[in-house]
Amino acid sequence: MAKLTIVANIIAKQDKVELVKQELLKLIDITRAEEGCINYDLHQDNENPAHFVFYENWESRELWQAHMGNQHLATTSQRQKVLLTPLPLTK
């Protein structure tokens, strides 16, 4: 199986930066414990604190897709909809 790398850009609304950061930090330990997770690293831009990046590596696309279907991620995603600035999808 081919490994999969994900770079997820997240832009918080200016007045929600700390709240978004706390929500994202909650995902780290639970995600790192998931099957197939090689690394799951959160970064925050030094010049634009509203810009967060998750750099992730997974053993396979299938295991990443299982991660994307997990309840803890779905719950956080629902909360984030009102906290984030929409980004265009890059394929």
PDB file of N, CA and C in Angstrom:
ATOM      1  N   MET A   1       0.827  -1.181   0.000  1.00  0.00           N
ATOM      2  CA  MET A   1       0.000   0.000   0.000  1.00  0.00           C
ATOM      3  C   MET A   1       0.876   1.252   0.000  1.00  0.00           C
ATOM      4  N   ALA A   2       0.403   2.279  -0.681  1.00  0.00           N
ATOM      5  CA  ALA A   2       1.116   3.543  -0.725  1.00  0.00           C
ATOM      6  C   ALA A   2       0.729   4.405   0.470  1.00  0.00           C
ATOM      7  N   LYS A   3       1.708   5.047   1.044  1.00  0.00           N
ATOM      8  CA  LYS A   3       1.435   5.976   2.136  1.00  0.00           C
ATOM      9  C   LYS A   3       0.754   7.214   1.585  1.00  0.00           C
ATOM     10  N   LEU A   4       0.034   7.911   2.469  1.00  0.00           N
ATOM     11  CA  LEU A   4      -0.706   9.102   2.074  1.00  0.00           C
ATOM     12  C   LEU A   4      -0.298  10.264   2.964  1.00  0.00           C
ATOM     13  N   THR A   5       0.021  11.396   2.355  1.00  0.00           N
ATOM     14  CA  THR A   5       0.335  12.620   3.083  1.00  0.00           C
ATOM     15  C   THR A   5      -0.790  13.616   2.868  1.00  0.00           C
ATOM     16  N   ILE A   6      -1.229  14.220   3.965  1.00  0.00           N
ATOM     17  CA  ILE A   6      -2.282  15.229   3.929  1.00  0.00           C
ATOM     18  C   ILE A   6      -1.725  16.515   4.532  1.00  0.00           C
ATOM     19  N   VAL A   7      -1.968  17.643   3.869  1.00  0.00           N
ATOM     20  CA  VAL A   7      -1.658  18.957   4.407  1.00  0.00           C
ATOM     21  C   VAL A   7      -2.983  19.710   4.453  1.00  0.00           C
ATOM     22  N   ALA A   8      -3.494  19.896   5.673  1.00  0.00           N
ATOM     23  CA  ALA A   8      -4.802  20.518   5.848  1.00  0.00           C
ATOM     24  C   ALA A   8      -4.623  21.937   6.379  1.00  0.00           C
ATOM     25  N   ASN A   9      -5.007  22.923   5.563  1.00  0.00           N
ATOM     26  CA  ASN A   9      -4.952  24.323   5.968  1.00  0.00           C
ATOM     27  C   ASN A   9      -6.268  24.704   6.615  1.00  0.00           C
ATOM     28  N   ILE A  10      -6.175  25.378   7.744  1.00  0.00           N
ATOM     29  CA  ILE A  10      -7.355  25.785   8.503  1.00  0.00           C
ATOM     30  C   ILE A  10      -7.172  27.254   8.862  1.00  0.00           C
ATOM     31  N   ILE A  11      -8.160  28.073   8.517  1.00  0.00           N
ATOM     32  CA  ILE A  11      -8.102  29.500   8.828  1.00  0.00           C
ATOM     33  C   ILE A  11      -9.245  29.826   9.782  1.00  0.00           C
ATOM     34  N   ALA A  12      -8.878  30.243  10.989  1.00  0.00           N
ATOM     35  CA  ALA A  12      -9.873  30.622  11.992  1.00  0.00           C
ATOM     36  C   ALA A  12     -10.363  32.043  11.719  1.00  0.00           C
ATOM     37  N   LYS A  13     -11.596  32.311  12.082  1.00  0.00           N
ATOM     38  CA  LYS A  13     -12.072  33.693  12.079  1.00  0.00           C
ATOM     39  C   LYS A  13     -11.243  34.436  13.120  1.00  0.00           C
ATOM     40  N   GLN A  14     -10.938  35.695  12.835  1.00  0.00           N
ATOM     41  CA  GLN A  14     -10.012  36.457  13.677  1.00  0.00           C
ATOM     42  C   GLN A  14     -10.406  36.483  15.151  1.00  0.00           C
ATOM     43  N   ASP A  15     -11.674  36.507  15.434  1.00  0.00           N
ATOM     44  CA  ASP A  15     -12.114  36.569  16.830  1.00  0.00           C
ATOM     45  C   ASP A  15     -12.283  35.189  17.468  1.00  0.00           C
ATOM     46  N   LYS A  16     -11.916  34.132  16.745  1.00  0.00           N
ATOM     47  CA  LYS A  16     -12.098  32.760  17.236  1.00  0.00           C
ATOM     48  C   LYS A  16     -10.795  31.960  17.271  1.00  0.00           C
ATOM     49  N   VAL A  17      -9.652  32.606  17.130  1.00  0.00           N
ATOM     50  CA  VAL A  17      -8.376  31.901  17.006  1.00  0.00           C
ATOM     51  C   VAL A  17      -8.113  30.972  18.192  1.00  0.00           C
ATOM     52  N   GLU A  18      -8.224  31.455  19.398  1.00  0.00           N
ATOM     53  CA  GLU A  18      -7.916  30.621  20.569  1.00  0.00           C
ATOM     54  C   GLU A  18      -8.904  29.474  20.718  1.00  0.00           C
ATOM     55  N   LEU A  19     -10.163  29.708  20.428  1.00  0.00           N
ATOM     56  CA  LEU A  19     -11.167  28.648  20.504  1.00  0.00           C
ATOM     57  C   LEU A  19     -10.880  27.559  19.472  1.00  0.00           C
ATOM     58  N   VAL A  20     -10.544  27.950  18.254  1.00  0.00           N
ATOM     59  CA  VAL A  20     -10.198  26.986  17.209  1.00  0.00           C
ATOM     60  C   VAL A  20      -8.958  26.195  17.624  1.00  0.00           C
ATOM     61  N   LYS A  21      -7.964  26.872  18.142  1.00  0.00           N
ATOM     62  CA  LYS A  21      -6.738  26.190  18.566  1.00  0.00           C
ATOM     63  C   LYS A  21      -7.050  25.125  19.614  1.00  0.00           C
ATOM     64  N   GLN A  22      -7.868  25.451  20.592  1.00  0.00           N
ATOM     65  CA  GLN A  22      -8.219  24.481  21.631  1.00  0.00           C
ATOM     66  C   GLN A  22      -8.952  23.276  21.034  1.00  0.00           C
ATOM     67  N   GLU A  23      -9.841  23.513  20.077  1.00  0.00           N
ATOM     68  CA  GLU A  23     -10.559  22.410  19.429  1.00  0.00           C
ATOM     69  C   GLU A  23      -9.604  21.522  18.634  1.00  0.00           C
ATOM     70  N   LEU A  24      -8.665  22.136  17.931  1.00  0.00           N
ATOM     71  CA  LEU A  24      -7.708  21.362  17.135  1.00  0.00           C
ATOM     72  C   LEU A  24      -6.767  20.560  18.027  1.00  0.00           C
ATOM     73  N   LEU A  25      -6.337  21.138  19.119  1.00  0.00           N
ATOM     74  CA  LEU A  25      -5.452  20.419  20.043  1.00  0.00           C
ATOM     75  C   LEU A  25      -6.116  19.159  20.600  1.00  0.00           C
ATOM     76  N   LYS A  26      -7.426  19.187  20.763  1.00  0.00           N
ATOM     77  CA  LYS A  26      -8.158  18.020  21.269  1.00  0.00           C
ATOM     78  C   LYS A  26      -8.065  16.826  20.317  1.00  0.00           C
ATOM     79  N   LEU A  27      -7.837  17.080  19.045  1.00  0.00           N
ATOM     80  CA  LEU A  27      -7.800  16.010  18.045  1.00  0.00           C
ATOM     81  C   LEU A  27      -6.486  15.240  18.017  1.00  0.00           C
ATOM     82  N   ILE A  28      -5.429  15.830  18.522  1.00  0.00           N
ATOM     83  CA  ILE A  28      -4.097  15.267  18.308  1.00  0.00           C
ATOM     84  C   ILE A  28      -3.927  13.885  18.930  1.00  0.00           C
ATOM     85  N   ASP A  29      -4.090  13.760  20.222  1.00  0.00           N
ATOM     86  CA  ASP A  29      -3.816  12.468  20.876  1.00  0.00           C
ATOM     87  C   ASP A  29      -4.737  11.358  20.381  1.00  0.00           C
ATOM     88  N   ILE A  30      -6.009  11.667  20.228  1.00  0.00           N
ATOM     89  CA  ILE A  30      -6.957  10.632  19.787  1.00  0.00           C
ATOM     90  C   ILE A  30      -6.648  10.193  18.360  1.00  0.00           C
ATOM     91  N   THR A  31      -6.248  11.128  17.511  1.00  0.00           N
ATOM     92  CA  THR A  31      -5.924  10.782  16.122  1.00  0.00           C
ATOM     93  C   THR A  31      -4.619  10.003  16.041  1.00  0.00           C
ATOM     94  N   ARG A  32      -3.629  10.402  16.802  1.00  0.00           N
ATOM     95  CA  ARG A  32      -2.352   9.685  16.787  1.00  0.00           C
ATOM     96  C   ARG A  32      -2.502   8.233  17.227  1.00  0.00           C
ATOM     97  N   ALA A  33      -3.537   7.954  18.004  1.00  0.00           N
ATOM     98  CA  ALA A  33      -3.776   6.584  18.469  1.00  0.00           C
ATOM     99  C   ALA A  33      -4.535   5.736  17.449  1.00  0.00           C
ATOM    100  N   GLU A  34      -5.021   6.357  16.380  1.00  0.00           N
ATOM    101  CA  GLU A  34      -5.799   5.632  15.380  1.00  0.00           C
ATOM    102  C   GLU A  34      -4.906   4.716  14.541  1.00  0.00           C
ATOM    103  N   GLU A  35      -5.499   3.624  14.110  1.00  0.00           N
ATOM    104  CA  GLU A  35      -4.793   2.698  13.225  1.00  0.00           C
ATOM    105  C   GLU A  35      -4.376   3.423  11.954  1.00  0.00           C
ATOM    106  N   GLY A  36      -3.127   3.258  11.583  1.00  0.00           N
ATOM    107  CA  GLY A  36      -2.642   3.805  10.320  1.00  0.00           C
ATOM    108  C   GLY A  36      -2.039   5.188  10.413  1.00  0.00           C
ATOM    109  N   CYS A  37      -2.182   5.861  11.550  1.00  0.00           N
ATOM    110  CA  CYS A  37      -1.626   7.210  11.690  1.00  0.00           C
ATOM    111  C   CYS A  37      -0.127   7.111  11.940  1.00  0.00           C
ATOM    112  N   ILE A  38       0.647   7.678  11.040  1.00  0.00           N
ATOM    113  CA  ILE A  38       2.103   7.720  11.191  1.00  0.00           C
ATOM    114  C   ILE A  38       2.486   8.972  11.973  1.00  0.00           C
ATOM    115  N   ASN A  39       1.946  10.113  11.567  1.00  0.00           N
ATOM    116  CA  ASN A  39       2.110  11.348  12.330  1.00  0.00           C
ATOM    117  C   ASN A  39       0.933  12.280  12.047  1.00  0.00           C
ATOM    118  N   TYR A  40       0.666  13.129  13.013  1.00  0.00           N
ATOM    119  CA  TYR A  40      -0.457  14.071  12.949  1.00  0.00           C
ATOM    120  C   TYR A  40      -0.001  15.299  13.714  1.00  0.00           C
ATOM    121  N   ASP A  41       0.549  16.263  12.987  1.00  0.00           N
ATOM    122  CA  ASP A  41       1.225  17.400  13.601  1.00  0.00           C
ATOM    123  C   ASP A  41       0.498  18.703  13.288  1.00  0.00           C
ATOM    124  N   LEU A  42       0.227  19.468  14.329  1.00  0.00           N
ATOM    125  CA  LEU A  42      -0.436  20.758  14.190  1.00  0.00           C
ATOM    126  C   LEU A  42       0.602  21.867  14.236  1.00  0.00           C
ATOM    127  N   HIS A  43       0.480  22.802  13.304  1.00  0.00           N
ATOM    128  CA  HIS A  43       1.363  23.974  13.251  1.00  0.00           C
ATOM    129  C   HIS A  43       0.499  25.225  13.208  1.00  0.00           C
ATOM    130  N   GLN A  44       1.007  26.309  13.795  1.00  0.00           N
ATOM    131  CA  GLN A  44       0.320  27.594  13.768  1.00  0.00           C
ATOM    132  C   GLN A  44       1.290  28.611  13.185  1.00  0.00           C
ATOM    133  N   ASP A  45       0.827  29.357  12.204  1.00  0.00           N
ATOM    134  CA  ASP A  45       1.654  30.346  11.521  1.00  0.00           C
ATOM    135  C   ASP A  45       2.115  31.430  12.501  1.00  0.00           C
ATOM    136  N   ASN A  46       3.400  31.750  12.506  1.00  0.00           N
ATOM    137  CA  ASN A  46       3.938  32.768  13.404  1.00  0.00           C
ATOM    138  C   ASN A  46       3.487  34.176  13.030  1.00  0.00           C
ATOM    139  N   GLU A  47       3.261  34.408  11.744  1.00  0.00           N
ATOM    140  CA  GLU A  47       2.867  35.742  11.289  1.00  0.00           C
ATOM    141  C   GLU A  47       1.361  35.920  11.227  1.00  0.00           C
ATOM    142  N   ASN A  48       0.637  34.831  11.054  1.00  0.00           N
ATOM    143  CA  ASN A  48      -0.822  34.883  11.010  1.00  0.00           C
ATOM    144  C   ASN A  48      -1.365  33.806  11.948  1.00  0.00           C
ATOM    145  N   PRO A  49      -1.575  34.121  13.209  1.00  0.00           N
ATOM    146  CA  PRO A  49      -1.989  33.111  14.178  1.00  0.00           C
ATOM    147  C   PRO A  49      -3.335  32.456  13.865  1.00  0.00           C
ATOM    148  N   ALA A  50      -4.091  33.021  12.950  1.00  0.00           N
ATOM    149  CA  ALA A  50      -5.374  32.425  12.562  1.00  0.00           C
ATOM    150  C   ALA A  50      -5.187  31.267  11.588  1.00  0.00           C
ATOM    151  N   HIS A  51      -3.985  31.091  11.063  1.00  0.00           N
ATOM    152  CA  HIS A  51      -3.699  30.045  10.072  1.00  0.00           C
ATOM    153  C   HIS A  51      -3.048  28.848  10.770  1.00  0.00           C
ATOM    154  N   PHE A  52      -3.745  27.718  10.716  1.00  0.00           N
ATOM    155  CA  PHE A  52      -3.256  26.461  11.267  1.00  0.00           C
ATOM    156  C   PHE A  52      -3.050  25.472  10.119  1.00  0.00           C
ATOM    157  N   VAL A  53      -2.110  24.558  10.309  1.00  0.00           N
ATOM    158  CA  VAL A  53      -1.859  23.508   9.321  1.00  0.00           C
ATOM    159  C   VAL A  53      -1.695  22.189  10.069  1.00  0.00           C
ATOM    160  N   PHE A  54      -2.453  21.184   9.637  1.00  0.00           N
ATOM    161  CA  PHE A  54      -2.196  19.817  10.085  1.00  0.00           C
ATOM    162  C   PHE A  54      -1.367  19.151   8.998  1.00  0.00           C
ATOM    163  N   TYR A  55      -0.229  18.594   9.380  1.00  0.00           N
ATOM    164  CA  TYR A  55       0.595  17.805   8.480  1.00  0.00           C
ATOM    165  C   TYR A  55       0.460  16.364   8.950  1.00  0.00           C
ATOM    166  N   GLU A  56      -0.102  15.526   8.081  1.00  0.00           N
ATOM    167  CA  GLU A  56      -0.448  14.155   8.462  1.00  0.00           C
ATOM    168  C   GLU A  56       0.157  13.157   7.488  1.00  0.00           C
ATOM    169  N   ASN A  57       0.558  12.014   8.012  1.00  0.00           N
ATOM    170  CA  ASN A  57       0.967  10.887   7.183  1.00  0.00           C
ATOM    171  C   ASN A  57       0.222   9.656   7.666  1.00  0.00           C
ATOM    172  N   TRP A  58      -0.310   8.912   6.700  1.00  0.00           N
ATOM    173  CA  TRP A  58      -1.115   7.727   6.966  1.00  0.00           C
ATOM    174  C   TRP A  58      -0.547   6.543   6.194  1.00  0.00           C
ATOM    175  N   GLU A  59      -0.728   5.365   6.748  1.00  0.00           N
ATOM    176  CA  GLU A  59      -0.236   4.154   6.088  1.00  0.00           C
ATOM    177  C   GLU A  59      -0.945   3.894   4.767  1.00  0.00           C
ATOM    178  N   SER A  60      -2.210   4.344   4.647  1.00  0.00           N
ATOM    179  CA  SER A  60      -2.943   4.153   3.390  1.00  0.00           C
ATOM    180  C   SER A  60      -4.110   5.134   3.313  1.00  0.00           C
ATOM    181  N   ARG A  61      -4.611   5.334   2.107  1.00  0.00           N
ATOM    182  CA  ARG A  61      -5.788   6.180   1.899  1.00  0.00           C
ATOM    183  C   ARG A  61      -6.997   5.617   2.640  1.00  0.00           C
ATOM    184  N   GLU A  62      -7.126   4.317   2.666  1.00  0.00           N
ATOM    185  CA  GLU A  62      -8.269   3.672   3.323  1.00  0.00           C
ATOM    186  C   GLU A  62      -8.279   3.964   4.825  1.00  0.00           C
ATOM    187  N   LEU A  63      -7.110   3.919   5.450  1.00  0.00           N
ATOM    188  CA  LEU A  63      -7.043   4.207   6.886  1.00  0.00           C
ATOM    189  C   LEU A  63      -7.292   5.687   7.165  1.00  0.00           C
ATOM    190  N   TRP A  64      -6.843   6.572   6.277  1.00  0.00           N
ATOM    191  CA  TRP A  64      -7.160   7.994   6.420  1.00  0.00           C
ATOM    192  C   TRP A  64      -8.667   8.219   6.274  1.00  0.00           C
ATOM    193  N   GLN A  65      -9.290   7.522   5.309  1.00  0.00           N
ATOM    194  CA  GLN A  65     -10.733   7.662   5.134  1.00  0.00           C
ATOM    195  C   GLN A  65     -11.486   7.178   6.372  1.00  0.00           C
ATOM    196  N   ALA A  66     -10.999   6.136   7.007  1.00  0.00           N
ATOM    197  CA  ALA A  66     -11.612   5.675   8.259  1.00  0.00           C
ATOM    198  C   ALA A  66     -11.486   6.771   9.318  1.00  0.00           C
ATOM    199  N   HIS A  67     -10.343   7.408   9.381  1.00  0.00           N
ATOM    200  CA  HIS A  67     -10.139   8.541  10.303  1.00  0.00           C
ATOM    201  C   HIS A  67     -11.169   9.634  10.027  1.00  0.00           C
ATOM    202  N   MET A  68     -11.361   9.948   8.765  1.00  0.00           N
ATOM    203  CA  MET A  68     -12.284  11.028   8.403  1.00  0.00           C
ATOM    204  C   MET A  68     -13.728  10.705   8.794  1.00  0.00           C
ATOM    205  N   GLY A  69     -14.043   9.435   8.956  1.00  0.00           N
ATOM    206  CA  GLY A  69     -15.385   9.031   9.344  1.00  0.00           C
ATOM    207  C   GLY A  69     -15.585   8.894  10.839  1.00  0.00           C
ATOM    208  N   ASN A  70     -14.541   9.116  11.628  1.00  0.00           N
ATOM    209  CA  ASN A  70     -14.647   8.962  13.079  1.00  0.00           C
ATOM    210  C   ASN A  70     -15.524  10.032  13.711  1.00  0.00           C
ATOM    211  N   GLN A  71     -16.226   9.667  14.754  1.00  0.00           N
ATOM    212  CA  GLN A  71     -17.155  10.570  15.421  1.00  0.00           C
ATOM    213  C   GLN A  71     -16.462  11.797  16.011  1.00  0.00           C
ATOM    214  N   HIS A  72     -15.296  11.620  16.606  1.00  0.00           N
ATOM    215  CA  HIS A  72     -14.628  12.775  17.220  1.00  0.00           C
ATOM    216  C   HIS A  72     -14.282  13.834  16.174  1.00  0.00           C
ATOM    217  N   LEU A  73     -13.950  13.421  14.980  1.00  0.00           N
ATOM    218  CA  LEU A  73     -13.649  14.370  13.918  1.00  0.00           C
ATOM    219  C   LEU A  73     -14.924  15.027  13.406  1.00  0.00           C
ATOM    220  N   ALA A  74     -15.988  14.254  13.266  1.00  0.00           N
ATOM    221  CA  ALA A  74     -17.269  14.798  12.814  1.00  0.00           C
ATOM    222  C   ALA A  74     -17.811  15.827  13.799  1.00  0.00           C
ATOM    223  N   THR A  75     -17.692  15.538  15.079  1.00  0.00           N
ATOM    224  CA  THR A  75     -18.170  16.468  16.102  1.00  0.00           C
ATOM    225  C   THR A  75     -17.388  17.773  16.041  1.00  0.00           C
ATOM    226  N   THR A  76     -16.078  17.683  15.929  1.00  0.00           N
ATOM    227  CA  THR A  76     -15.253  18.885  15.840  1.00  0.00           C
ATOM    228  C   THR A  76     -15.555  19.643  14.556  1.00  0.00           C
ATOM    229  N   SER A  77     -15.747  18.940  13.462  1.00  0.00           N
ATOM    230  CA  SER A  77     -16.043  19.593  12.182  1.00  0.00           C
ATOM    231  C   SER A  77     -17.329  20.402  12.254  1.00  0.00           C
ATOM    232  N   GLN A  78     -18.334  19.874  12.915  1.00  0.00           N
ATOM    233  CA  GLN A  78     -19.594  20.599  13.059  1.00  0.00           C
ATOM    234  C   GLN A  78     -19.384  21.892  13.849  1.00  0.00           C
ATOM    235  N   ARG A  79     -18.611  21.836  14.914  1.00  0.00           N
ATOM    236  CA  ARG A  79     -18.338  23.029  15.725  1.00  0.00           C
ATOM    237  C   ARG A  79     -17.511  24.036  14.940  1.00  0.00           C
ATOM    238  N   GLN A  80     -16.599  23.552  14.112  1.00  0.00           N
ATOM    239  CA  GLN A  80     -15.684  24.434  13.390  1.00  0.00           C
ATOM    240  C   GLN A  80     -16.386  25.253  12.306  1.00  0.00           C
ATOM    241  N   LYS A  81     -17.513  24.794  11.815  1.00  0.00           N
ATOM    242  CA  LYS A  81     -18.184  25.503  10.716  1.00  0.00           C
ATOM    243  C   LYS A  81     -18.459  26.959  11.049  1.00  0.00           C
ATOM    244  N   VAL A  82     -18.736  27.269  12.294  1.00  0.00           N
ATOM    245  CA  VAL A  82     -19.013  28.658  12.670  1.00  0.00           C
ATOM    246  C   VAL A  82     -17.759  29.392  13.116  1.00  0.00           C
ATOM    247  N   LEU A  83     -16.633  28.687  13.201  1.00  0.00           N
ATOM    248  CA  LEU A  83     -15.402  29.275  13.703  1.00  0.00           C
ATOM    249  C   LEU A  83     -14.363  29.540  12.617  1.00  0.00           C
ATOM    250  N   LEU A  84     -14.567  28.961  11.418  1.00  0.00           N
ATOM    251  CA  LEU A  84     -13.547  29.020  10.375  1.00  0.00           C
ATOM    252  C   LEU A  84     -13.943  29.878   9.199  1.00  0.00           C
ATOM    253  N   THR A  85     -12.940  30.385   8.527  1.00  0.00           N
ATOM    254  CA  THR A  85     -13.129  31.080   7.267  1.00  0.00           C
ATOM    255  C   THR A  85     -13.046  30.023   6.168  1.00  0.00           C
ATOM    256  N   PRO A  86     -14.048  29.932   5.275  1.00  0.00           N
ATOM    257  CA  PRO A  86     -14.009  28.902   4.234  1.00  0.00           C
ATOM    258  C   PRO A  86     -12.804  29.062   3.319  1.00  0.00           C
ATOM    259  N   LEU A  87     -12.212  27.918   2.958  1.00  0.00           N
ATOM    260  CA  LEU A  87     -11.100  27.885   2.024  1.00  0.00           C
ATOM    261  C   LEU A  87     -11.525  27.151   0.770  1.00  0.00           C
ATOM    262  N   PRO A  88     -10.972  27.538  -0.377  1.00  0.00           N
ATOM    263  CA  PRO A  88     -11.262  26.763  -1.580  1.00  0.00           C
ATOM    264  C   PRO A  88     -10.649  25.372  -1.477  1.00  0.00           C
ATOM    265  N   LEU A  89     -11.323  24.400  -2.033  1.00  0.00           N
ATOM    266  CA  LEU A  89     -10.836  23.025  -2.026  1.00  0.00           C
ATOM    267  C   LEU A  89      -9.800  22.849  -3.113  1.00  0.00           C
ATOM    268  N   THR A  90      -8.656  22.311  -2.744  1.00  0.00           N
ATOM    269  CA  THR A  90      -7.577  22.046  -3.704  1.00  0.00           C
ATOM    270  C   THR A  90      -7.521  20.563  -3.962  1.00  0.00           C
ATOM    271  N   LYS A  91      -7.552  20.175  -5.222  1.00  0.00           N
ATOM    272  CA  LYS A  91      -7.508  18.756  -5.589  1.00  0.00           C
ATOM    273  C   LYS A  91      -6.232  18.449  -6.316  1.00  0.00           C
TER     274      LYS A  91
END
